[in-house]
Structure formats: C-alpha cells, structure tokens
Amino acid sequence: MAGAAEMESHGVKNPDSILFDGGKRCNLFVIDYGDHMFSDGKGQDFKVALKAVRDRINEICCSGDMNEVGVVIFFNTVSLIEKTERQPDYYG
C-alpha cells in the first residue's frame, strides 16, 4: 500500500481511504467454461467468447497505451489440484 505522502502527491484527497487510483485502466474479461458453452458439440459459444477477448486484447496491445491492462478469468472450470502436485496456492 502506498504511503499517505505518495497518495497525496497523486491527487488522493483522503489518504486514509483504502481506495487508490494508480492511473491504470483495467479490462476484466470473464469467460464461462460451463457445459452449456459446448452444448452444440463444437464449443461455438466458447470460441466466440475467446475471439472477442482476443480481439480486444489485440486492440489494447496495438494501441500502445501503457496505462491499460487486461485480465482474463475463466469460471466453471474443474479443479486442477491433481495436476498441480497438490499445491493449493496455484489452483486450490
């Protein structure tokens, strides 16, 4: 956590607040990996979601804006604890 002086230098009005704007913009992509995304047998819905995320990430990377980040989260996935040698801090 940044110190109060640093937060004030960035224009934070109340340095005691837990909110801090570091100047970055974040694009959060959440993709469902549930069975219904593959109900057509080909996973077309899942592919469409992946392509949309890929296109947006390409746009972010090509814009050259270093203040923009992207995060991809998959949910409705199976636990991979067996494949990670039982290290719960990876997937557990």
PDB file of N, CA and C in Angstrom:
ATOM      1  N   MET A   1       0.848  -1.175   0.000  1.00  0.00           N
ATOM      2  CA  MET A   1       0.000   0.000   0.000  1.00  0.00           C
ATOM      3  C   MET A   1       0.888   1.230   0.000  1.00  0.00           C
ATOM      4  N   ALA A   2       0.523   2.175  -0.808  1.00  0.00           N
ATOM      5  CA  ALA A   2       1.300   3.406  -0.908  1.00  0.00           C
ATOM      6  C   ALA A   2       1.155   4.227   0.356  1.00  0.00           C
ATOM      7  N   GLY A   3       2.197   4.984   0.665  1.00  0.00           N
ATOM      8  CA  GLY A   3       2.161   5.849   1.835  1.00  0.00           C
ATOM      9  C   GLY A   3       1.271   7.053   1.599  1.00  0.00           C
ATOM     10  N   ALA A   4       0.905   7.734   2.693  1.00  0.00           N
ATOM     11  CA  ALA A   4      -0.008   8.883   2.617  1.00  0.00           C
ATOM     12  C   ALA A   4       0.580   9.997   1.760  1.00  0.00           C
ATOM     13  N   ALA A   5       1.886  10.268   1.895  1.00  0.00           N
ATOM     14  CA  ALA A   5       2.511  11.346   1.114  1.00  0.00           C
ATOM     15  C   ALA A   5       2.461  11.033  -0.376  1.00  0.00           C
ATOM     16  N   GLU A   6       2.737   9.785  -0.718  1.00  0.00           N
ATOM     17  CA  GLU A   6       2.692   9.387  -2.129  1.00  0.00           C
ATOM     18  C   GLU A   6       1.276   9.498  -2.679  1.00  0.00           C
ATOM     19  N   MET A   7       0.297   9.075  -1.882  1.00  0.00           N
ATOM     20  CA  MET A   7      -1.095   9.140  -2.320  1.00  0.00           C
ATOM     21  C   MET A   7      -1.527  10.588  -2.511  1.00  0.00           C
ATOM     22  N   GLU A   8      -1.109  11.476  -1.606  1.00  0.00           N
ATOM     23  CA  GLU A   8      -1.460  12.883  -1.736  1.00  0.00           C
ATOM     24  C   GLU A   8      -0.823  13.494  -2.979  1.00  0.00           C
ATOM     25  N   SER A   9       0.401  13.050  -3.309  1.00  0.00           N
ATOM     26  CA  SER A   9       1.067  13.585  -4.499  1.00  0.00           C
ATOM     27  C   SER A   9       0.362  13.154  -5.779  1.00  0.00           C
ATOM     28  N   HIS A  10      -0.414  12.083  -5.713  1.00  0.00           N
ATOM     29  CA  HIS A  10      -1.190  11.610  -6.866  1.00  0.00           C
ATOM     30  C   HIS A  10      -2.597  12.179  -6.875  1.00  0.00           C
ATOM     31  N   GLY A  11      -2.879  13.113  -5.999  1.00  0.00           N
ATOM     32  CA  GLY A  11      -4.177  13.764  -6.015  1.00  0.00           C
ATOM     33  C   GLY A  11      -5.243  13.066  -5.197  1.00  0.00           C
ATOM     34  N   VAL A  12      -4.854  12.133  -4.334  1.00  0.00           N
ATOM     35  CA  VAL A  12      -5.827  11.448  -3.492  1.00  0.00           C
ATOM     36  C   VAL A  12      -6.219  12.381  -2.363  1.00  0.00           C
ATOM     37  N   LYS A  13      -7.495  12.664  -2.235  1.00  0.00           N
ATOM     38  CA  LYS A  13      -7.979  13.628  -1.242  1.00  0.00           C
ATOM     39  C   LYS A  13      -7.892  13.080   0.176  1.00  0.00           C
ATOM     40  N   ASN A  14      -8.240  11.821   0.360  1.00  0.00           N
ATOM     41  CA  ASN A  14      -8.264  11.226   1.689  1.00  0.00           C
ATOM     42  C   ASN A  14      -7.292  10.054   1.717  1.00  0.00           C
ATOM     43  N   PRO A  15      -6.045  10.260   2.135  1.00  0.00           N
ATOM     44  CA  PRO A  15      -5.061   9.174   2.109  1.00  0.00           C
ATOM     45  C   PRO A  15      -5.372   8.033   3.075  1.00  0.00           C
ATOM     46  N   ASP A  16      -6.321   8.254   3.995  1.00  0.00           N
ATOM     47  CA  ASP A  16      -6.685   7.170   4.908  1.00  0.00           C
ATOM     48  C   ASP A  16      -7.642   6.181   4.254  1.00  0.00           C
ATOM     49  N   SER A  17      -8.187   6.542   3.114  1.00  0.00           N
ATOM     50  CA  SER A  17      -9.102   5.665   2.394  1.00  0.00           C
ATOM     51  C   SER A  17      -8.329   4.478   1.826  1.00  0.00           C
ATOM     52  N   ILE A  18      -8.977   3.348   1.675  1.00  0.00           N
ATOM     53  CA  ILE A  18      -8.312   2.183   1.100  1.00  0.00           C
ATOM     54  C   ILE A  18      -8.324   2.232  -0.428  1.00  0.00           C
ATOM     55  N   LEU A  19      -9.047   3.177  -1.005  1.00  0.00           N
ATOM     56  CA  LEU A  19      -9.095   3.303  -2.449  1.00  0.00           C
ATOM     57  C   LEU A  19      -7.909   4.107  -2.946  1.00  0.00           C
ATOM     58  N   PHE A  20      -7.304   3.653  -4.019  1.00  0.00           N
ATOM     59  CA  PHE A  20      -6.160   4.340  -4.589  1.00  0.00           C
ATOM     60  C   PHE A  20      -6.201   4.178  -6.091  1.00  0.00           C
ATOM     61  N   ASP A  21      -6.105   5.261  -6.808  1.00  0.00           N
ATOM     62  CA  ASP A  21      -6.107   5.226  -8.257  1.00  0.00           C
ATOM     63  C   ASP A  21      -4.676   5.348  -8.740  1.00  0.00           C
ATOM     64  N   GLY A  22      -4.147   4.273  -9.269  1.00  0.00           N
ATOM     65  CA  GLY A  22      -2.783   4.281  -9.769  1.00  0.00           C
ATOM     66  C   GLY A  22      -2.675   4.766 -11.199  1.00  0.00           C
ATOM     67  N   GLY A  23      -3.797   5.162 -11.792  1.00  0.00           N
ATOM     68  CA  GLY A  23      -3.775   5.681 -13.151  1.00  0.00           C
ATOM     69  C   GLY A  23      -3.933   4.622 -14.219  1.00  0.00           C
ATOM     70  N   LYS A  24      -4.055   3.372 -13.851  1.00  0.00           N
ATOM     71  CA  LYS A  24      -4.215   2.289 -14.825  1.00  0.00           C
ATOM     72  C   LYS A  24      -5.698   2.015 -15.074  1.00  0.00           C
ATOM     73  N   ARG A  25      -5.996   1.623 -16.293  1.00  0.00           N
ATOM     74  CA  ARG A  25      -7.340   1.170 -16.639  1.00  0.00           C
ATOM     75  C   ARG A  25      -7.273  -0.334 -16.830  1.00  0.00           C
ATOM     76  N   CYS A  26      -8.228  -1.040 -16.290  1.00  0.00           N
ATOM     77  CA  CYS A  26      -8.216  -2.492 -16.351  1.00  0.00           C
ATOM     78  C   CYS A  26      -9.435  -2.994 -17.111  1.00  0.00           C
ATOM     79  N   ASN A  27      -9.195  -3.899 -18.030  1.00  0.00           N
ATOM     80  CA  ASN A  27     -10.255  -4.584 -18.745  1.00  0.00           C
ATOM     81  C   ASN A  27     -10.337  -5.986 -18.159  1.00  0.00           C
ATOM     82  N   LEU A  28     -11.446  -6.290 -17.556  1.00  0.00           N
ATOM     83  CA  LEU A  28     -11.646  -7.583 -16.913  1.00  0.00           C
ATOM     84  C   LEU A  28     -12.561  -8.416 -17.797  1.00  0.00           C
ATOM     85  N   PHE A  29     -12.037  -9.522 -18.304  1.00  0.00           N
ATOM     86  CA  PHE A  29     -12.800 -10.426 -19.159  1.00  0.00           C
ATOM     87  C   PHE A  29     -13.093 -11.692 -18.374  1.00  0.00           C
ATOM     88  N   VAL A  30     -14.356 -12.033 -18.243  1.00  0.00           N
ATOM     89  CA  VAL A  30     -14.759 -13.228 -17.510  1.00  0.00           C
ATOM     90  C   VAL A  30     -15.445 -14.157 -18.500  1.00  0.00           C
ATOM     91  N   ILE A  31     -14.878 -15.361 -18.663  1.00  0.00           N
ATOM     92  CA  ILE A  31     -15.399 -16.320 -19.636  1.00  0.00           C
ATOM     93  C   ILE A  31     -15.897 -17.553 -18.914  1.00  0.00           C
ATOM     94  N   ASP A  32     -17.115 -17.944 -19.232  1.00  0.00           N
ATOM     95  CA  ASP A  32     -17.736 -19.129 -18.650  1.00  0.00           C
ATOM     96  C   ASP A  32     -17.239 -20.366 -19.389  1.00  0.00           C
ATOM     97  N   TYR A  33     -16.752 -21.349 -18.649  1.00  0.00           N
ATOM     98  CA  TYR A  33     -16.270 -22.600 -19.229  1.00  0.00           C
ATOM     99  C   TYR A  33     -17.244 -23.742 -18.934  1.00  0.00           C
ATOM    100  N   GLY A  34     -18.497 -23.387 -18.653  1.00  0.00           N
ATOM    101  CA  GLY A  34     -19.503 -24.389 -18.319  1.00  0.00           C
ATOM    102  C   GLY A  34     -19.908 -25.237 -19.509  1.00  0.00           C
ATOM    103  N   ASP A  35     -20.578 -26.336 -19.208  1.00  0.00           N
ATOM    104  CA  ASP A  35     -21.005 -27.277 -20.252  1.00  0.00           C
ATOM    105  C   ASP A  35     -21.918 -26.625 -21.287  1.00  0.00           C
ATOM    106  N   HIS A  36     -22.722 -25.654 -20.873  1.00  0.00           N
ATOM    107  CA  HIS A  36     -23.646 -25.030 -21.814  1.00  0.00           C
ATOM    108  C   HIS A  36     -22.917 -24.243 -22.907  1.00  0.00           C
ATOM    109  N   MET A  37     -21.657 -23.900 -22.691  1.00  0.00           N
ATOM    110  CA  MET A  37     -20.881 -23.218 -23.727  1.00  0.00           C
ATOM    111  C   MET A  37     -20.462 -24.186 -24.836  1.00  0.00           C
ATOM    112  N   PHE A  38     -20.623 -25.485 -24.583  1.00  0.00           N
ATOM    113  CA  PHE A  38     -20.234 -26.515 -25.548  1.00  0.00           C
ATOM    114  C   PHE A  38     -21.427 -27.383 -25.941  1.00  0.00           C
ATOM    115  N   SER A  39     -22.633 -26.862 -25.752  1.00  0.00           N
ATOM    116  CA  SER A  39     -23.839 -27.659 -25.969  1.00  0.00           C
ATOM    117  C   SER A  39     -24.054 -28.021 -27.441  1.00  0.00           C
ATOM    118  N   ASP A  40     -23.463 -27.279 -28.354  1.00  0.00           N
ATOM    119  CA  ASP A  40     -23.625 -27.597 -29.772  1.00  0.00           C
ATOM    120  C   ASP A  40     -22.656 -28.677 -30.246  1.00  0.00           C
ATOM    121  N   GLY A  41     -21.800 -29.140 -29.366  1.00  0.00           N
ATOM    122  CA  GLY A  41     -20.841 -30.186 -29.710  1.00  0.00           C
ATOM    123  C   GLY A  41     -19.538 -29.651 -30.272  1.00  0.00           C
ATOM    124  N   LYS A  42     -19.502 -28.388 -30.653  1.00  0.00           N
ATOM    125  CA  LYS A  42     -18.306 -27.799 -31.245  1.00  0.00           C
ATOM    126  C   LYS A  42     -17.709 -26.685 -30.386  1.00  0.00           C
ATOM    127  N   GLY A  43     -18.419 -26.280 -29.349  1.00  0.00           N
ATOM    128  CA  GLY A  43     -17.938 -25.211 -28.490  1.00  0.00           C
ATOM    129  C   GLY A  43     -17.973 -23.853 -29.168  1.00  0.00           C
ATOM    130  N   GLN A  44     -18.939 -23.660 -30.056  1.00  0.00           N
ATOM    131  CA  GLN A  44     -19.007 -22.412 -30.815  1.00  0.00           C
ATOM    132  C   GLN A  44     -19.179 -21.189 -29.914  1.00  0.00           C
ATOM    133  N   ASP A  45     -20.012 -21.292 -28.879  1.00  0.00           N
ATOM    134  CA  ASP A  45     -20.203 -20.162 -27.961  1.00  0.00           C
ATOM    135  C   ASP A  45     -18.902 -19.805 -27.254  1.00  0.00           C
ATOM    136  N   PHE A  46     -18.154 -20.826 -26.853  1.00  0.00           N
ATOM    137  CA  PHE A  46     -16.874 -20.599 -26.186  1.00  0.00           C
ATOM    138  C   PHE A  46     -15.874 -19.952 -27.139  1.00  0.00           C
ATOM    139  N   LYS A  47     -15.848 -20.423 -28.377  1.00  0.00           N
ATOM    140  CA  LYS A  47     -14.936 -19.857 -29.376  1.00  0.00           C
ATOM    141  C   LYS A  47     -15.251 -18.395 -29.656  1.00  0.00           C
ATOM    142  N   VAL A  48     -16.538 -18.068 -29.708  1.00  0.00           N
ATOM    143  CA  VAL A  48     -16.938 -16.676 -29.935  1.00  0.00           C
ATOM    144  C   VAL A  48     -16.448 -15.797 -28.790  1.00  0.00           C
ATOM    145  N   ALA A  49     -16.594 -16.288 -27.563  1.00  0.00           N
ATOM    146  CA  ALA A  49     -16.131 -15.523 -26.398  1.00  0.00           C
ATOM    147  C   ALA A  49     -14.620 -15.331 -26.444  1.00  0.00           C
ATOM    148  N   LEU A  50     -13.880 -16.389 -26.766  1.00  0.00           N
ATOM    149  CA  LEU A  50     -12.422 -16.286 -26.844  1.00  0.00           C
ATOM    150  C   LEU A  50     -11.985 -15.309 -27.936  1.00  0.00           C
ATOM    151  N   LYS A  51     -12.651 -15.371 -29.080  1.00  0.00           N
ATOM    152  CA  LYS A  51     -12.290 -14.470 -30.178  1.00  0.00           C
ATOM    153  C   LYS A  51     -12.566 -13.014 -29.812  1.00  0.00           C
ATOM    154  N   ALA A  52     -13.660 -12.761 -29.113  1.00  0.00           N
ATOM    155  CA  ALA A  52     -13.978 -11.391 -28.690  1.00  0.00           C
ATOM    156  C   ALA A  52     -12.912 -10.862 -27.734  1.00  0.00           C
ATOM    157  N   VAL A  53     -12.496 -11.704 -26.791  1.00  0.00           N
ATOM    158  CA  VAL A  53     -11.452 -11.304 -25.842  1.00  0.00           C
ATOM    159  C   VAL A  53     -10.133 -11.101 -26.578  1.00  0.00           C
ATOM    160  N   ARG A  54      -9.807 -12.021 -27.474  1.00  0.00           N
ATOM    161  CA  ARG A  54      -8.558 -11.895 -28.246  1.00  0.00           C
ATOM    162  C   ARG A  54      -8.529 -10.594 -29.038  1.00  0.00           C
ATOM    163  N   ASP A  55      -9.636 -10.270 -29.692  1.00  0.00           N
ATOM    164  CA  ASP A  55      -9.689  -9.049 -30.489  1.00  0.00           C
ATOM    165  C   ASP A  55      -9.499  -7.804 -29.626  1.00  0.00           C
ATOM    166  N   ARG A  56     -10.118  -7.801 -28.454  1.00  0.00           N
ATOM    167  CA  ARG A  56      -9.986  -6.633 -27.560  1.00  0.00           C
ATOM    168  C   ARG A  56      -8.573  -6.521 -27.003  1.00  0.00           C
ATOM    169  N   ILE A  57      -7.967  -7.655 -26.636  1.00  0.00           N
ATOM    170  CA  ILE A  57      -6.600  -7.626 -26.124  1.00  0.00           C
ATOM    171  C   ILE A  57      -5.632  -7.173 -27.213  1.00  0.00           C
ATOM    172  N   ASN A  58      -5.849  -7.633 -28.451  1.00  0.00           N
ATOM    173  CA  ASN A  58      -5.022  -7.158 -29.568  1.00  0.00           C
ATOM    174  C   ASN A  58      -5.151  -5.652 -29.735  1.00  0.00           C
ATOM    175  N   GLU A  59      -6.360  -5.150 -29.606  1.00  0.00           N
ATOM    176  CA  GLU A  59      -6.597  -3.716 -29.721  1.00  0.00           C
ATOM    177  C   GLU A  59      -5.861  -2.952 -28.617  1.00  0.00           C
ATOM    178  N   ILE A  60      -5.907  -3.484 -27.400  1.00  0.00           N
ATOM    179  CA  ILE A  60      -5.214  -2.855 -26.273  1.00  0.00           C
ATOM    180  C   ILE A  60      -3.703  -2.848 -26.526  1.00  0.00           C
ATOM    181  N   CYS A  61      -3.164  -3.990 -26.967  1.00  0.00           N
ATOM    182  CA  CYS A  61      -1.722  -4.092 -27.189  1.00  0.00           C
ATOM    183  C   CYS A  61      -1.260  -3.194 -28.328  1.00  0.00           C
ATOM    184  N   CYS A  62      -2.040  -3.101 -29.378  1.00  0.00           N
ATOM    185  CA  CYS A  62      -1.638  -2.312 -30.542  1.00  0.00           C
ATOM    186  C   CYS A  62      -1.807  -0.812 -30.326  1.00  0.00           C
ATOM    187  N   SER A  63      -2.603  -0.433 -29.351  1.00  0.00           N
ATOM    188  CA  SER A  63      -2.814   0.999 -29.112  1.00  0.00           C
ATOM    189  C   SER A  63      -1.587   1.643 -28.481  1.00  0.00           C
ATOM    190  N   GLY A  64      -0.745   0.828 -27.842  1.00  0.00           N
ATOM    191  CA  GLY A  64       0.467   1.347 -27.230  1.00  0.00           C
ATOM    192  C   GLY A  64       0.221   2.095 -25.931  1.00  0.00           C
ATOM    193  N   ASP A  65      -0.971   1.969 -25.371  1.00  0.00           N
ATOM    194  CA  ASP A  65      -1.295   2.658 -24.116  1.00  0.00           C
ATOM    195  C   ASP A  65      -0.787   1.814 -22.950  1.00  0.00           C
ATOM    196  N   MET A  66       0.265   2.290 -22.299  1.00  0.00           N
ATOM    197  CA  MET A  66       0.870   1.522 -21.212  1.00  0.00           C
ATOM    198  C   MET A  66       0.070   1.622 -19.913  1.00  0.00           C
ATOM    199  N   ASN A  67      -1.003   2.400 -19.910  1.00  0.00           N
ATOM    200  CA  ASN A  67      -1.832   2.530 -18.715  1.00  0.00           C
ATOM    201  C   ASN A  67      -3.043   1.624 -18.759  1.00  0.00           C
ATOM    202  N   GLU A  68      -3.089   0.732 -19.718  1.00  0.00           N
ATOM    203  CA  GLU A  68      -4.235  -0.156 -19.840  1.00  0.00           C
ATOM    204  C   GLU A  68      -3.766  -1.598 -19.688  1.00  0.00           C
ATOM    205  N   VAL A  69      -4.443  -2.346 -18.842  1.00  0.00           N
ATOM    206  CA  VAL A  69      -4.113  -3.747 -18.623  1.00  0.00           C
ATOM    207  C   VAL A  69      -5.344  -4.600 -18.879  1.00  0.00           C
ATOM    208  N   GLY A  70      -5.110  -5.884 -19.122  1.00  0.00           N
ATOM    209  CA  GLY A  70      -6.205  -6.814 -19.347  1.00  0.00           C
ATOM    210  C   GLY A  70      -6.063  -8.030 -18.469  1.00  0.00           C
ATOM    211  N   VAL A  71      -7.185  -8.535 -17.998  1.00  0.00           N
ATOM    212  CA  VAL A  71      -7.213  -9.715 -17.142  1.00  0.00           C
ATOM    213  C   VAL A  71      -8.272 -10.662 -17.698  1.00  0.00           C
ATOM    214  N   VAL A  72      -7.928 -11.937 -17.816  1.00  0.00           N
ATOM    215  CA  VAL A  72      -8.883 -12.940 -18.285  1.00  0.00           C
ATOM    216  C   VAL A  72      -9.111 -13.934 -17.157  1.00  0.00           C
ATOM    217  N   ILE A  73     -10.374 -14.140 -16.803  1.00  0.00           N
ATOM    218  CA  ILE A  73     -10.742 -15.083 -15.762  1.00  0.00           C
ATOM    219  C   ILE A  73     -11.693 -16.108 -16.364  1.00  0.00           C
ATOM    220  N   PHE A  74     -11.400 -17.375 -16.151  1.00  0.00           N
ATOM    221  CA  PHE A  74     -12.292 -18.455 -16.567  1.00  0.00           C
ATOM    222  C   PHE A  74     -13.003 -18.981 -15.330  1.00  0.00           C
ATOM    223  N   PHE A  75     -14.329 -19.137 -15.406  1.00  0.00           N
ATOM    224  CA  PHE A  75     -15.044 -19.749 -14.295  1.00  0.00           C
ATOM    225  C   PHE A  75     -15.844 -20.929 -14.799  1.00  0.00           C
ATOM    226  N   ASN A  76     -16.349 -21.724 -13.867  1.00  0.00           N
ATOM    227  CA  ASN A  76     -16.997 -23.004 -14.165  1.00  0.00           C
ATOM    228  C   ASN A  76     -15.993 -24.008 -14.709  1.00  0.00           C
ATOM    229  N   THR A  77     -14.763 -23.937 -14.229  1.00  0.00           N
ATOM    230  CA  THR A  77     -13.738 -24.888 -14.640  1.00  0.00           C
ATOM    231  C   THR A  77     -13.627 -25.980 -13.581  1.00  0.00           C
ATOM    232  N   VAL A  78     -12.961 -27.053 -13.924  1.00  0.00           N
ATOM    233  CA  VAL A  78     -12.753 -28.130 -12.959  1.00  0.00           C
ATOM    234  C   VAL A  78     -11.505 -27.809 -12.146  1.00  0.00           C
ATOM    235  N   SER A  79     -11.434 -28.365 -10.971  1.00  0.00           N
ATOM    236  CA  SER A  79     -10.261 -28.169 -10.134  1.00  0.00           C
ATOM    237  C   SER A  79      -9.082 -28.932 -10.731  1.00  0.00           C
ATOM    238  N   LEU A  80      -7.945 -28.277 -10.805  1.00  0.00           N
ATOM    239  CA  LEU A  80      -6.744 -28.903 -11.355  1.00  0.00           C
ATOM    240  C   LEU A  80      -5.759 -29.287 -10.259  1.00  0.00           C
ATOM    241  N   ILE A  81      -6.255 -29.443  -9.043  1.00  0.00           N
ATOM    242  CA  ILE A  81      -5.378 -29.710  -7.910  1.00  0.00           C
ATOM    243  C   ILE A  81      -4.566 -30.991  -8.116  1.00  0.00           C
ATOM    244  N   GLU A  82      -5.129 -31.993  -8.803  1.00  0.00           N
ATOM    245  CA  GLU A  82      -4.400 -33.239  -9.038  1.00  0.00           C
ATOM    246  C   GLU A  82      -3.219 -33.019  -9.982  1.00  0.00           C
ATOM    247  N   LYS A  83      -3.362 -32.091 -10.915  1.00  0.00           N
ATOM    248  CA  LYS A  83      -2.314 -31.850 -11.900  1.00  0.00           C
ATOM    249  C   LYS A  83      -1.265 -30.861 -11.411  1.00  0.00           C
ATOM    250  N   THR A  84      -1.452 -30.269 -10.263  1.00  0.00           N
ATOM    251  CA  THR A  84      -0.501 -29.289  -9.755  1.00  0.00           C
ATOM    252  C   THR A  84       0.283 -29.810  -8.560  1.00  0.00           C
ATOM    253  N   GLU A  85       0.358 -31.108  -8.462  1.00  0.00           N
ATOM    254  CA  GLU A  85       1.124 -31.755  -7.390  1.00  0.00           C
ATOM    255  C   GLU A  85       0.652 -31.288  -6.014  1.00  0.00           C
ATOM    256  N   ARG A  86      -0.670 -31.106  -5.900  1.00  0.00           N
ATOM    257  CA  ARG A  86      -1.313 -30.759  -4.640  1.00  0.00           C
ATOM    258  C   ARG A  86      -0.752 -29.481  -4.015  1.00  0.00           C
ATOM    259  N   GLN A  87      -0.511 -28.486  -4.828  1.00  0.00           N
ATOM    260  CA  GLN A  87      -0.059 -27.192  -4.330  1.00  0.00           C
ATOM    261  C   GLN A  87      -1.261 -26.261  -4.338  1.00  0.00           C
ATOM    262  N   PRO A  88      -1.942 -26.124  -3.219  1.00  0.00           N
ATOM    263  CA  PRO A  88      -3.207 -25.389  -3.183  1.00  0.00           C
ATOM    264  C   PRO A  88      -3.091 -23.908  -3.516  1.00  0.00           C
ATOM    265  N   ASP A  89      -1.906 -23.323  -3.441  1.00  0.00           N
ATOM    266  CA  ASP A  89      -1.818 -21.912  -3.760  1.00  0.00           C
ATOM    267  C   ASP A  89      -1.826 -21.622  -5.253  1.00  0.00           C
ATOM    268  N   TYR A  90      -1.766 -22.634  -6.093  1.00  0.00           N
ATOM    269  CA  TYR A  90      -1.912 -22.421  -7.530  1.00  0.00           C
ATOM    270  C   TYR A  90      -3.365 -22.414  -7.962  1.00  0.00           C
ATOM    271  N   TYR A  91      -4.093 -23.484  -7.711  1.00  0.00           N
ATOM    272  CA  TYR A  91      -5.458 -23.613  -8.190  1.00  0.00           C
ATOM    273  C   TYR A  91      -6.439 -23.995  -7.105  1.00  0.00           C
ATOM    274  N   GLY A  92      -5.996 -24.068  -5.892  1.00  0.00           N
ATOM    275  CA  GLY A  92      -6.813 -24.682  -4.912  1.00  0.00           C
ATOM    276  C   GLY A  92      -7.571 -23.882  -3.983  1.00  0.00           C
TER     277      GLY A  92
END
